[in-house]
C-alpha atoms as a PDB file:
ATOM      1  CA  MET A   1       4.601  -3.312  21.091  1.00  0.00           C
ATOM      2  CA  PRO A   2       3.190  -5.495  18.462  1.00  0.00           C
ATOM      3  CA  TYR A   3       3.030  -4.649  14.985  1.00  0.00           C
ATOM      4  CA  THR A   4      -0.597  -3.517  14.451  1.00  0.00           C
ATOM      5  CA  ILE A   5      -2.731  -4.255  11.492  1.00  0.00           C
ATOM      6  CA  VAL A   6      -6.035  -2.589  11.406  1.00  0.00           C
ATOM      7  CA  VAL A   7      -8.747  -4.138   8.747  1.00  0.00           C
ATOM      8  CA  GLY A   8     -11.895  -2.409   7.612  1.00  0.00           C
ATOM      9  CA  VAL A   9     -14.452  -5.082   7.602  1.00  0.00           C
ATOM     10  CA  ASN A  10     -17.736  -5.778   6.063  1.00  0.00           C
ATOM     11  CA  GLU A  11     -19.946  -8.348   4.325  1.00  0.00           C
ATOM     12  CA  SER A  12     -18.117  -8.308   1.041  1.00  0.00           C
ATOM     13  CA  VAL A  13     -15.858 -10.668  -0.759  1.00  0.00           C
ATOM     14  CA  PRO A  14     -13.083  -8.171  -1.007  1.00  0.00           C
ATOM     15  CA  SER A  15     -13.286  -7.647   2.897  1.00  0.00           C
ATOM     16  CA  SER A  16     -12.953 -11.615   3.296  1.00  0.00           C
ATOM     17  CA  LEU A  17      -9.761 -11.302   1.161  1.00  0.00           C
ATOM     18  CA  ALA A  18      -8.323  -8.070   3.231  1.00  0.00           C
ATOM     19  CA  VAL A  19      -8.750 -10.374   6.205  1.00  0.00           C
ATOM     20  CA  ARG A  20      -7.082 -13.235   4.984  1.00  0.00           C
ATOM     21  CA  TRP A  21      -3.870 -11.172   3.566  1.00  0.00           C
ATOM     22  CA  SER A  22      -3.841  -9.413   6.820  1.00  0.00           C
ATOM     23  CA  ALA A  23      -3.621 -12.589   8.691  1.00  0.00           C
ATOM     24  CA  ALA A  24      -1.162 -13.798   6.535  1.00  0.00           C
ATOM     25  CA  ARG A  25       0.901 -10.506   6.777  1.00  0.00           C
ATOM     26  CA  ALA A  26       0.761 -10.446  10.683  1.00  0.00           C
ATOM     27  CA  ALA A  27       1.932 -14.469  10.624  1.00  0.00           C
ATOM     28  CA  ALA A  28       4.891 -13.331   8.448  1.00  0.00           C
ATOM     29  CA  MET A  29       5.973 -11.134  11.832  1.00  0.00           C
ATOM     30  CA  ASN A  30       6.831 -14.326  13.720  1.00  0.00           C
ATOM     31  CA  GLY A  31       3.854 -13.956  16.402  1.00  0.00           C
ATOM     32  CA  ASP A  32       4.830 -10.624  17.219  1.00  0.00           C
ATOM     33  CA  ALA A  33       1.541  -8.733  15.504  1.00  0.00           C
ATOM     34  CA  GLU A  34      -1.987  -8.543  16.032  1.00  0.00           C
ATOM     35  CA  LEU A  35      -4.949  -7.589  13.733  1.00  0.00           C
ATOM     36  CA  ILE A  36      -7.728  -5.029  14.777  1.00  0.00           C
ATOM     37  CA  LEU A  37     -10.654  -5.699  12.743  1.00  0.00           C
ATOM     38  CA  VAL A  38     -12.872  -2.651  12.544  1.00  0.00           C
ATOM     39  CA  HIS A  39     -16.543  -2.251  11.318  1.00  0.00           C
ATOM     40  CA  VAL A  40     -18.227   1.275  11.124  1.00  0.00           C
ATOM     41  CA  LEU A  41     -21.912   1.632  11.631  1.00  0.00           C
ATOM     42  CA  ASP A  42     -23.283   4.984   9.842  1.00  0.00           C
ATOM     43  CA  ALA A  43     -23.795   7.615  12.710  1.00  0.00           C
ATOM     44  CA  GLY A  44     -26.341   9.133  10.119  1.00  0.00           C
ATOM     45  CA  SER A  45     -29.023   6.345  10.337  1.00  0.00           C
ATOM     46  CA  GLU A  46     -32.083   7.211  12.571  1.00  0.00           C
ATOM     47  CA  LEU A  47     -33.675   4.030  13.672  1.00  0.00           C
ATOM     48  CA  PRO A  48     -36.122   2.976  16.443  1.00  0.00           C
ATOM     49  CA  ALA A  49     -34.545   1.357  19.279  1.00  0.00           C
ATOM     50  CA  SER A  50     -35.358  -2.293  18.303  1.00  0.00           C
ATOM     51  CA  ALA A  51     -34.037  -1.932  14.651  1.00  0.00           C
ATOM     52  CA  ALA A  52     -30.883  -0.164  16.012  1.00  0.00           C
ATOM     53  CA  ARG A  53     -30.365  -3.250  18.206  1.00  0.00           C
ATOM     54  CA  GLU A  54     -30.845  -5.592  15.419  1.00  0.00           C
ATOM     55  CA  VAL A  55     -28.371  -3.312  13.264  1.00  0.00           C
ATOM     56  CA  ARG A  56     -25.755  -3.819  16.258  1.00  0.00           C
ATOM     57  CA  ARG A  57     -26.190  -7.648  16.145  1.00  0.00           C
ATOM     58  CA  GLU A  58     -25.644  -7.879  12.862  1.00  0.00           C
ATOM     59  CA  ALA A  59     -22.557  -5.666  12.992  1.00  0.00           C
ATOM     60  CA  SER A  60     -21.175  -7.818  16.005  1.00  0.00           C
ATOM     61  CA  SER A  61     -21.827 -11.049  13.429  1.00  0.00           C
ATOM     62  CA  VAL A  62     -19.965  -9.503  10.664  1.00  0.00           C
ATOM     63  CA  LEU A  63     -16.961  -8.995  13.153  1.00  0.00           C
ATOM     64  CA  LYS A  64     -17.177 -12.217  14.603  1.00  0.00           C
ATOM     65  CA  HIS A  65     -17.017 -13.916  11.014  1.00  0.00           C
ATOM     66  CA  ALA A  66     -14.241 -11.976  10.095  1.00  0.00           C
ATOM     67  CA  ALA A  67     -12.219 -12.972  13.479  1.00  0.00           C
ATOM     68  CA  GLN A  68     -13.259 -16.570  12.854  1.00  0.00           C
ATOM     69  CA  LEU A  69     -11.933 -16.278   9.148  1.00  0.00           C
ATOM     70  CA  ALA A  70      -8.716 -14.787  10.299  1.00  0.00           C
ATOM     71  CA  GLN A  71      -7.912 -17.408  13.028  1.00  0.00           C
ATOM     72  CA  GLN A  72      -8.737 -20.288  10.389  1.00  0.00           C
ATOM     73  CA  SER A  73      -5.952 -19.196   8.658  1.00  0.00           C
ATOM     74  CA  ARG A  74      -3.912 -18.342  11.169  1.00  0.00           C
ATOM     75  CA  PRO A  75      -4.727 -19.927  14.573  1.00  0.00           C
ATOM     76  CA  ASN A  76      -2.374 -18.674  16.912  1.00  0.00           C
ATOM     77  CA  LEU A  77      -3.100 -15.091  15.654  1.00  0.00           C
ATOM     78  CA  THR A  78      -4.023 -12.314  17.952  1.00  0.00           C
ATOM     79  CA  VAL A  79      -7.312 -10.575  16.582  1.00  0.00           C
ATOM     80  CA  ARG A  80      -9.203  -8.004  18.230  1.00  0.00           C
ATOM     81  CA  THR A  81     -12.604  -6.374  16.975  1.00  0.00           C
ATOM     82  CA  ASP A  82     -13.701  -3.023  17.239  1.00  0.00           C
ATOM     83  CA  LEU A  83     -17.449  -1.747  16.444  1.00  0.00           C
ATOM     84  CA  ARG A  84     -17.495   2.095  15.798  1.00  0.00           C
ATOM     85  CA  VAL A  85     -20.220   4.473  14.734  1.00  0.00           C
ATOM     86  CA  GLY A  86     -19.462   7.563  12.628  1.00  0.00           C
ATOM     87  CA  ASN A  87     -18.439   8.097   9.175  1.00  0.00           C
ATOM     88  CA  VAL A  88     -16.533   5.463   7.734  1.00  0.00           C
ATOM     89  CA  ILE A  89     -13.194   6.965   6.524  1.00  0.00           C
ATOM     90  CA  ASP A  90     -12.909   9.094   9.725  1.00  0.00           C
ATOM     91  CA  ALA A  91     -13.700   6.179  12.044  1.00  0.00           C
ATOM     92  CA  LEU A  92     -11.235   3.799  10.672  1.00  0.00           C
ATOM     93  CA  LEU A  93      -8.542   6.435  10.510  1.00  0.00           C
ATOM     94  CA  ALA A  94      -9.151   7.202  14.045  1.00  0.00           C
ATOM     95  CA  ALA A  95      -8.893   3.314  14.789  1.00  0.00           C
ATOM     96  CA  ALA A  96      -5.617   3.219  13.150  1.00  0.00           C
ATOM     97  CA  VAL A  97      -3.838   6.346  14.686  1.00  0.00           C
ATOM     98  CA  ASP A  98      -1.445   3.891  16.502  1.00  0.00           C
ATOM     99  CA  ALA A  99      -1.304   0.990  14.161  1.00  0.00           C
ATOM    100  CA  ASN A 100       1.709   0.042  11.638  1.00  0.00           C
ATOM    101  CA  LEU A 101      -0.612  -0.622   8.868  1.00  0.00           C
ATOM    102  CA  ILE A 102      -4.172  -0.135   7.336  1.00  0.00           C
ATOM    103  CA  VAL A 103      -5.649  -2.893   5.045  1.00  0.00           C
ATOM    104  CA  VAL A 104      -9.150  -2.459   3.188  1.00  0.00           C
ATOM    105  CA  GLY A 105     -10.661  -4.410   0.461  1.00  0.00           C
ATOM    106  CA  THR A 106     -12.167  -2.953  -2.842  1.00  0.00           C
ATOM    107  CA  HIS A 107     -14.284  -3.900  -5.622  1.00  0.00           C
ATOM    108  CA  LYS A 108     -12.586  -2.706  -8.985  1.00  0.00           C
ATOM    109  CA  THR A 109     -15.457  -0.568 -10.229  1.00  0.00           C
ATOM    110  CA  GLY A 110     -15.562   1.331  -6.865  1.00  0.00           C
ATOM    111  CA  PHE A 111     -19.136   2.274  -7.212  1.00  0.00           C
ATOM    112  CA  ILE A 112     -20.987  -0.557  -5.324  1.00  0.00           C
ATOM    113  CA  ARG A 113     -22.242   1.116  -2.193  1.00  0.00           C
ATOM    114  CA  GLY A 114     -22.809  -0.871   0.926  1.00  0.00           C
ATOM    115  CA  ARG A 115     -20.758  -3.970  -0.625  1.00  0.00           C
ATOM    116  CA  SER A 116     -17.149  -2.508  -0.643  1.00  0.00           C
ATOM    117  CA  MET A 117     -14.924   0.404   0.438  1.00  0.00           C
ATOM    118  CA  GLY A 118     -15.125   1.394  -3.448  1.00  0.00           C
ATOM    119  CA  THR A 119     -13.805   4.850  -3.665  1.00  0.00           C
ATOM    120  CA  ARG A 120     -13.252   5.085  -0.185  1.00  0.00           C
ATOM    121  CA  SER A 121      -9.984   3.493  -0.594  1.00  0.00           C
ATOM    122  CA  LEU A 122      -8.149   6.005  -2.256  1.00  0.00           C
ATOM    123  CA  ARG A 123      -9.652   8.447   0.158  1.00  0.00           C
ATOM    124  CA  ILE A 124      -8.328   6.454   3.269  1.00  0.00           C
ATOM    125  CA  ALA A 125      -4.946   5.950   1.210  1.00  0.00           C
ATOM    126  CA  ALA A 126      -4.513   9.767   0.650  1.00  0.00           C
ATOM    127  CA  ALA A 127      -5.653  10.694   4.237  1.00  0.00           C
ATOM    128  CA  ALA A 128      -3.762   8.099   6.377  1.00  0.00           C
ATOM    129  CA  ARG A 129      -0.708   8.777   8.254  1.00  0.00           C
ATOM    130  CA  VAL A 130       0.537   4.990   7.969  1.00  0.00           C
ATOM    131  CA  PRO A 131       0.957   3.034   4.949  1.00  0.00           C
ATOM    132  CA  VAL A 132      -2.443   1.611   3.733  1.00  0.00           C
ATOM    133  CA  VAL A 133      -2.815  -1.692   1.702  1.00  0.00           C
ATOM    134  CA  VAL A 134      -5.710  -2.165  -0.775  1.00  0.00           C
ATOM    135  CA  VAL A 135      -6.858  -5.586  -1.723  1.00  0.00           C
ATOM    136  CA  PRO A 136      -9.070  -5.973  -4.856  1.00  0.00           C
ATOM    137  CA  GLU A 137     -11.566  -8.971  -5.459  1.00  0.00           C
ATOM    138  CA  SER A 138      -9.211  -9.889  -8.567  1.00  0.00           C
ATOM    139  CA  SER A 139      -6.336 -10.769  -6.133  1.00  0.00           C
ATOM    140  CA  ARG A 140      -7.766 -14.126  -5.680  1.00  0.00           C
ATOM    141  CA  GLY A 141      -5.773 -17.146  -6.472  1.00  0.00           C
ATOM    142  CA  PRO A 142      -1.899 -17.684  -6.162  1.00  0.00           C
ATOM    143  CA  ARG A 143       0.547 -14.533  -6.298  1.00  0.00           C
ATOM    144  CA  SER A 144       3.975 -14.098  -5.704  1.00  0.00           C
ATOM    145  CA  GLY A 145       6.621 -11.467  -5.703  1.00  0.00           C
ATOM    146  CA  ILE A 146       6.856  -7.682  -4.430  1.00  0.00           C
ATOM    147  CA  VAL A 147       6.978  -4.829  -7.316  1.00  0.00           C
ATOM    148  CA  VAL A 148       8.109  -1.413  -6.658  1.00  0.00           C
ATOM    149  CA  GLY A 149       8.347   1.719  -8.823  1.00  0.00           C
ATOM    150  CA  VAL A 150      11.806   3.338  -8.839  1.00  0.00           C
ATOM    151  CA  GLU A 151      12.142   7.106  -8.387  1.00  0.00           C
ATOM    152  CA  GLU A 152      14.560   9.360  -7.089  1.00  0.00           C
ATOM    153  CA  SER A 153      12.817  11.232  -4.322  1.00  0.00           C
ATOM    154  CA  ASP A 154      12.006  11.061  -0.771  1.00  0.00           C
ATOM    155  CA  GLU A 155       8.623   8.946  -1.384  1.00  0.00           C
ATOM    156  CA  GLY A 156      10.339   6.823  -3.918  1.00  0.00           C
ATOM    157  CA  MET A 157      13.166   5.949  -1.175  1.00  0.00           C
ATOM    158  CA  ILE A 158      10.637   5.011   1.277  1.00  0.00           C
ATOM    159  CA  ALA A 159       8.735   2.902  -1.148  1.00  0.00           C
ATOM    160  CA  LEU A 160      11.983   0.970  -1.957  1.00  0.00           C
ATOM    161  CA  GLU A 161      12.561   0.588   1.799  1.00  0.00           C
ATOM    162  CA  PHE A 162       9.369  -0.656   2.517  1.00  0.00           C
ATOM    163  CA  ALA A 163       9.323  -2.990  -0.448  1.00  0.00           C
ATOM    164  CA  ALA A 164      12.840  -4.668   0.286  1.00  0.00           C
ATOM    165  CA  ASN A 165      11.393  -5.177   3.954  1.00  0.00           C
ATOM    166  CA  GLU A 166       8.587  -6.816   2.632  1.00  0.00           C
ATOM    167  CA  ALA A 167      10.635  -8.985  -0.111  1.00  0.00           C
ATOM    168  CA  ALA A 168      13.125  -9.794   2.837  1.00  0.00           C
ATOM    169  CA  SER A 169      10.673 -10.831   5.548  1.00  0.00           C
ATOM    170  CA  THR A 170       8.245 -12.773   3.352  1.00  0.00           C
ATOM    171  CA  GLY A 171      11.079 -14.869   1.596  1.00  0.00           C
ATOM    172  CA  GLN A 172       9.937 -13.443  -1.973  1.00  0.00           C
ATOM    173  CA  GLU A 173      11.733 -12.004  -4.886  1.00  0.00           C
ATOM    174  CA  LEU A 174      11.674  -8.133  -5.514  1.00  0.00           C
ATOM    175  CA  THR A 175      10.932  -6.475  -8.776  1.00  0.00           C
ATOM    176  CA  LEU A 176      12.150  -2.966  -9.417  1.00  0.00           C
ATOM    177  CA  ILE A 177      10.570  -0.835 -12.204  1.00  0.00           C
ATOM    178  CA  ARG A 178      11.775   2.398 -13.975  1.00  0.00           C
ATOM    179  CA  ALA A 179       9.022   3.688 -16.115  1.00  0.00           C
ATOM    180  CA  TRP A 180       9.932   6.574 -18.426  1.00  0.00           C
ATOM    181  CA  ASP A 181       8.410   8.294 -21.303  1.00  0.00           C
ATOM    182  CA  THR A 182       9.247  11.267 -23.725  1.00  0.00           C
ATOM    183  CA  PRO A 183       7.322  13.640 -25.378  1.00  0.00           C
ATOM    184  CA  ARG A 184       6.267  13.232 -28.879  1.00  0.00           C
ATOM    185  CA  ARG A 185       7.575  16.296 -30.082  1.00  0.00           C
ATOM    186  CA  VAL A 186       9.789  19.284 -28.756  1.00  0.00           C
ATOM    187  CA  GLY A 187       9.301  22.644 -29.073  1.00  0.00           C
ATOM    188  CA  VAL A 188      10.572  24.353 -32.247  1.00  0.00           C
ATOM    189  CA  ASP A 189      12.820  26.652 -30.446  1.00  0.00           C
ATOM    190  CA  LEU A 190      14.882  24.017 -28.484  1.00  0.00           C
ATOM    191  CA  GLU A 191      18.200  22.766 -29.937  1.00  0.00           C
ATOM    192  CA  ILE A 192      17.220  18.724 -28.921  1.00  0.00           C
ATOM    193  CA  THR A 193      15.473  16.333 -30.706  1.00  0.00           C
ATOM    194  CA  VAL A 194      12.916  13.731 -29.355  1.00  0.00           C
ATOM    195  CA  SER A 195      15.865  10.907 -30.207  1.00  0.00           C
ATOM    196  CA  ASP A 196      17.915  13.096 -27.785  1.00  0.00           C
ATOM    197  CA  LEU A 197      15.420  12.901 -24.780  1.00  0.00           C
ATOM    198  CA  GLU A 198      14.851   9.152 -25.640  1.00  0.00           C
ATOM    199  CA  SER A 199      18.662   8.390 -24.983  1.00  0.00           C
ATOM    200  CA  ALA A 200      18.875  10.658 -21.886  1.00  0.00           C
ATOM    201  CA  TYR A 201      15.736   9.488 -20.388  1.00  0.00           C
ATOM    202  CA  ALA A 202      17.050   5.568 -21.090  1.00  0.00           C
ATOM    203  CA  ALA A 203      20.043   6.761 -19.765  1.00  0.00           C
ATOM    204  CA  ASP A 204      18.655   8.289 -16.625  1.00  0.00           C
ATOM    205  CA  SER A 205      16.622   5.120 -16.134  1.00  0.00           C
ATOM    206  CA  LYS A 206      19.400   2.690 -16.135  1.00  0.00           C
ATOM    207  CA  HIS A 207      21.452   4.819 -13.668  1.00  0.00           C
ATOM    208  CA  ALA A 208      18.187   5.210 -11.314  1.00  0.00           C
ATOM    209  CA  LEU A 209      17.870   1.357 -11.241  1.00  0.00           C
ATOM    210  CA  ALA A 210      21.425   0.483 -10.566  1.00  0.00           C
ATOM    211  CA  GLY A 211      21.511   3.023  -7.964  1.00  0.00           C
ATOM    212  CA  ALA A 212      18.341   1.217  -6.410  1.00  0.00           C
ATOM    213  CA  VAL A 213      19.455  -2.272  -6.776  1.00  0.00           C
ATOM    214  CA  THR A 214      22.715  -1.098  -4.837  1.00  0.00           C
ATOM    215  CA  VAL A 215      20.561   0.489  -1.865  1.00  0.00           C
ATOM    216  CA  VAL A 216      18.824  -2.844  -1.613  1.00  0.00           C
ATOM    217  CA  HIS A 217      21.927  -5.027  -1.271  1.00  0.00           C
ATOM    218  CA  ARG A 218      23.392  -3.081   1.045  1.00  0.00           C
ATOM    219  CA  ARG A 219      20.563  -4.126   3.362  1.00  0.00           C
ATOM    220  CA  PHE A 220      19.698  -7.457   1.980  1.00  0.00           C
ATOM    221  CA  PRO A 221      22.574  -8.568   0.196  1.00  0.00           C
ATOM    222  CA  HIS A 222      21.034 -11.918  -0.565  1.00  0.00           C
ATOM    223  CA  LEU A 223      17.807 -10.864  -1.498  1.00  0.00           C
ATOM    224  CA  ILE A 224      16.755 -11.776  -5.366  1.00  0.00           C
ATOM    225  CA  THR A 225      16.020  -8.667  -7.133  1.00  0.00           C
ATOM    226  CA  ARG A 226      14.927  -7.782 -10.747  1.00  0.00           C
ATOM    227  CA  SER A 227      15.106  -4.595 -12.228  1.00  0.00           C
ATOM    228  CA  ARG A 228      13.399  -3.531 -15.407  1.00  0.00           C
ATOM    229  CA  GLN A 229      12.901  -0.124 -17.330  1.00  0.00           C
ATOM    230  CA  VAL A 230       9.682   0.565 -18.989  1.00  0.00           C
ATOM    231  CA  ARG A 231       8.977   3.035 -21.657  1.00  0.00           C
ATOM    232  CA  ARG A 232       5.408   3.624 -20.592  1.00  0.00           C
ATOM    233  CA  ARG A 233       3.363   5.522 -18.611  1.00  0.00           C
ATOM    234  CA  ALA A 234       4.427   4.780 -14.930  1.00  0.00           C
ATOM    235  CA  ALA A 235       0.677   3.531 -13.720  1.00  0.00           C
ATOM    236  CA  GLU A 236       0.570   1.377 -16.635  1.00  0.00           C
ATOM    237  CA  ALA A 237       4.021  -0.277 -16.387  1.00  0.00           C
ATOM    238  CA  LEU A 238       3.379  -1.056 -12.548  1.00  0.00           C
ATOM    239  CA  LEU A 239       0.061  -2.348 -13.180  1.00  0.00           C
ATOM    240  CA  ASP A 240       1.430  -4.811 -15.884  1.00  0.00           C
ATOM    241  CA  ALA A 241       4.114  -5.743 -13.780  1.00  0.00           C
ATOM    242  CA  ALA A 242       2.068  -6.284 -10.894  1.00  0.00           C
ATOM    243  CA  ALA A 243      -0.572  -8.690 -12.436  1.00  0.00           C
ATOM    244  CA  SER A 244       0.349 -11.711 -10.657  1.00  0.00           C
ATOM    245  CA  ALA A 245       2.612 -10.238  -7.752  1.00  0.00           C
ATOM    246  CA  SER A 246       1.421 -10.319  -3.953  1.00  0.00           C
ATOM    247  CA  LEU A 247       2.078  -6.704  -3.557  1.00  0.00           C
ATOM    248  CA  LEU A 248       2.521  -3.739  -5.283  1.00  0.00           C
ATOM    249  CA  VAL A 249       4.282  -0.809  -3.292  1.00  0.00           C
ATOM    250  CA  ILE A 250       3.721   2.830  -4.316  1.00  0.00           C
ATOM    251  CA  GLY A 251       5.237   5.903  -2.951  1.00  0.00           C
ATOM    252  CA  GLU A 252       3.430   9.376  -2.145  1.00  0.00           C
ATOM    253  CA  THR A 253       3.948  12.310  -0.509  1.00  0.00           C
ATOM    254  CA  ARG A 254       1.191  13.424   1.920  1.00  0.00           C
ATOM    255  CA  HIS A 255       0.775  17.381   1.727  1.00  0.00           C
ATOM    256  CA  ALA A 256      -0.373  19.616   4.347  1.00  0.00           C
ATOM    257  CA  SER A 257      -4.348  20.100   3.084  1.00  0.00           C
ATOM    258  CA  ASP A 258      -7.991  19.675   4.472  1.00  0.00           C
ATOM    259  CA  GLN A 259      -8.505  17.381   1.341  1.00  0.00           C
ATOM    260  CA  PRO A 260      -5.550  15.173   0.878  1.00  0.00           C
ATOM    261  CA  SER A 261      -5.289  13.417  -2.534  1.00  0.00           C
ATOM    262  CA  LEU A 262      -3.182  10.941  -3.972  1.00  0.00           C
ATOM    263  CA  GLY A 263      -0.678  11.770  -6.932  1.00  0.00           C
ATOM    264  CA  ASP A 264      -1.381  10.665 -10.704  1.00  0.00           C
ATOM    265  CA  VAL A 265       0.511   7.425 -10.449  1.00  0.00           C
ATOM    266  CA  GLY A 266      -0.905   6.183  -6.947  1.00  0.00           C
ATOM    267  CA  HIS A 267      -4.635   7.296  -8.052  1.00  0.00           C
ATOM    268  CA  ASP A 268      -4.446   5.537 -11.585  1.00  0.00           C
ATOM    269  CA  VAL A 269      -3.069   2.608  -9.965  1.00  0.00           C
ATOM    270  CA  LEU A 270      -5.898   2.104  -7.202  1.00  0.00           C
ATOM    271  CA  ILE A 271      -8.638   3.255 -10.051  1.00  0.00           C
ATOM    272  CA  ASN A 272      -7.238   0.208 -12.187  1.00  0.00           C
ATOM    273  CA  ILE A 273      -5.866  -2.331  -9.038  1.00  0.00           C
ATOM    274  CA  VAL A 274      -5.015  -5.510 -10.464  1.00  0.00           C
ATOM    275  CA  GLY A 275      -3.500  -7.097  -6.842  1.00  0.00           C
ATOM    276  CA  PRO A 276      -2.775  -6.267  -3.339  1.00  0.00           C
ATOM    277  CA  THR A 277      -1.198  -2.654  -3.531  1.00  0.00           C
ATOM    278  CA  VAL A 278       0.330  -0.178  -0.510  1.00  0.00           C
ATOM    279  CA  ILE A 279       0.400   3.153  -0.396  1.00  0.00           C
ATOM    280  CA  VAL A 280       3.272   4.191   1.518  1.00  0.00           C
ATOM    281  CA  HIS A 281       3.715   8.128   2.726  1.00  0.00           C
ATOM    282  CA  SER A 282       6.595  10.578   2.503  1.00  0.00           C
ATOM    283  CA  ILE A 283       5.864  13.151   4.959  1.00  0.00           C
ATOM    284  CA  PRO A 284       7.114  16.935   4.439  1.00  0.00           C
ATOM    285  CA  ALA A 285       8.591  18.408   7.927  1.00  0.00           C
ATOM    286  CA  THR A 286       5.625  20.954   7.912  1.00  0.00           C
ATOM    287  CA  VAL A 287       3.282  18.040   7.929  1.00  0.00           C
ATOM    288  CA  ALA A 288       5.013  15.814  10.193  1.00  0.00           C
ATOM    289  CA  ASN A 289       5.525  18.968  12.873  1.00  0.00           C
ATOM    290  CA  SER A 290       2.070  19.091  12.943  1.00  0.00           C
ATOM    291  CA  GLN A 291       1.453  15.790  13.969  1.00  0.00           C
ATOM    292  CA  SER A 292       0.759  14.827  17.316  1.00  0.00           C
ATOM    293  CA  SER A 293       3.665  13.115  19.024  1.00  0.00           C
ATOM    294  CA  HIS A 294       2.107   9.550  19.395  1.00  0.00           C
ATOM    295  CA  ALA A 295       1.760   9.111  15.463  1.00  0.00           C
ATOM    296  CA  ILE A 296       3.251   6.453  13.878  1.00  0.00           C
ATOM    297  CA  ARG A 297       5.219   8.222  11.164  1.00  0.00           C
ATOM    298  CA  PRO A 298       7.099   6.431   8.228  1.00  0.00           C
ATOM    299  CA  THR A 299      11.017   6.021   8.356  1.00  0.00           C
ATOM    300  CA  THR A 300      13.188   7.767   5.750  1.00  0.00           C
ATOM    301  CA  GLY A 301      15.284   6.468   3.336  1.00  0.00           C
ATOM    302  CA  ALA A 302      18.319   7.510   5.518  1.00  0.00           C
ATOM    303  CA  ALA A 303      17.473   4.674   7.912  1.00  0.00           C
ATOM    304  CA  PHE A 304      17.552   2.353   4.966  1.00  0.00           C
ATOM    305  CA  ALA A 305      21.059   2.726   3.911  1.00  0.00           C
ATOM    306  CA  GLY A 306      23.439   0.286   5.771  1.00  0.00           C
ATOM    307  CA  PRO A 307      26.966  -0.485   5.531  1.00  0.00           C
ATOM    308  CA  ALA A 308      28.014  -1.396   2.198  1.00  0.00           C
ATOM    309  CA  GLN A 309      28.286  -5.169   1.190  1.00  0.00           C
ATOM    310  CA  SER A 310      29.054  -6.748  -2.117  1.00  0.00           C
ATOM    311  CA  PRO A 311      25.738  -6.960  -3.791  1.00  0.00           C
ATOM    312  CA  GLN A 312      24.707 -10.143  -5.886  1.00  0.00           C
ATOM    313  CA  PRO A 313      24.461  -9.726  -9.474  1.00  0.00           C
ATOM    314  CA  ASP A 314      21.336  -7.843 -10.551  1.00  0.00           C
ATOM    315  CA  MET A 315      18.998 -10.365 -12.446  1.00  0.00           C
ATOM    316  CA  THR A 316      17.025  -8.604 -15.458  1.00  0.00           C
END
C-alpha cells in the first residue's frame, strides 16, 4: 500500500504551505506515496438549498486549487480530494484512520476563526493515532535539518526513530537536543546542593545523548548527526534549535482519555511554533488494545535497534 498523507485544507496561507510541505514529503517516498486533501464543511450551518450548493461549489474549488498546487510542485504525485461535512477535527481524524501522516497548517496566534486550523492543530495532534505535522505561516523560506529532543522514554525513542528515518530519507542532517534544568534551590532537609544537582543533570544529559547517537548510527551509520545539551526548559531549547529546521520532532504519550491532551513540551512548542513540527505518539498497551485492528499504530523503539555497526564520530 502507498504511504498516505492526509492534509487538512482550506483557503488560508498556512493551508497552502501545508500542501506544499506534504507534496515535497510525498515526493521523497520515491513515487510510493499519495496525498489525500480533505476539506470539511460545518454540519451545523442551516442554509437554503441554493446557498448550500454555492458553499459546496466553493469548497470544491478550494480542493481543486489545493490539488493543482500540489501537482504544480510535484507533477507525478498521486493526489485525491475528499469533501466532508461535520466537525472539522472529527472529520479529519476519520479521514486519516488508515493514513500514515496528518498535516495541517496553522497561524501562530491560533485565534483567527475560519482562516486556519488555529488551536485545532493542538487538539488534532493530541487525538490522532498517527503522527501529525503542523506547518505554520512562519515556515516560508529555505529550511534544512531535522531536530529531535532526546528523552529516555518510549515516546523519546519513537521520536528518535521517526527523526532519524526522516533525516536519512531526505538526505538531511539530524540534530539531537537534550535539554535539562535544575531547581533554583533544594529543600533544607536534603544533604545535596544545587551544584550537585547540576553536575548530576549534566552527566545524565551527556550519557543520554551518547546513547541516542549510538542508537541512530546502528541503523544509519553514515547519517551526519549533531548533538547538543542545553540547560534550558525543553520547549524553549527545541524551539531555538528548530528556528531554521525543516522539521522538529516531538514525542508524546497518548493516554486513554475522552479528552486527550498534549504534554507540556508538545503544547508549549505548538503554541509558539517556529517551523514544521511533528507530534509522534507512544501508545500504552491499554490504549493500543482498545484500538481497532485496522488502525495504523506507531512502531516501538525495539524495531529501531539494528545490528551494531561502527558509528561515525559525533559532530557537536
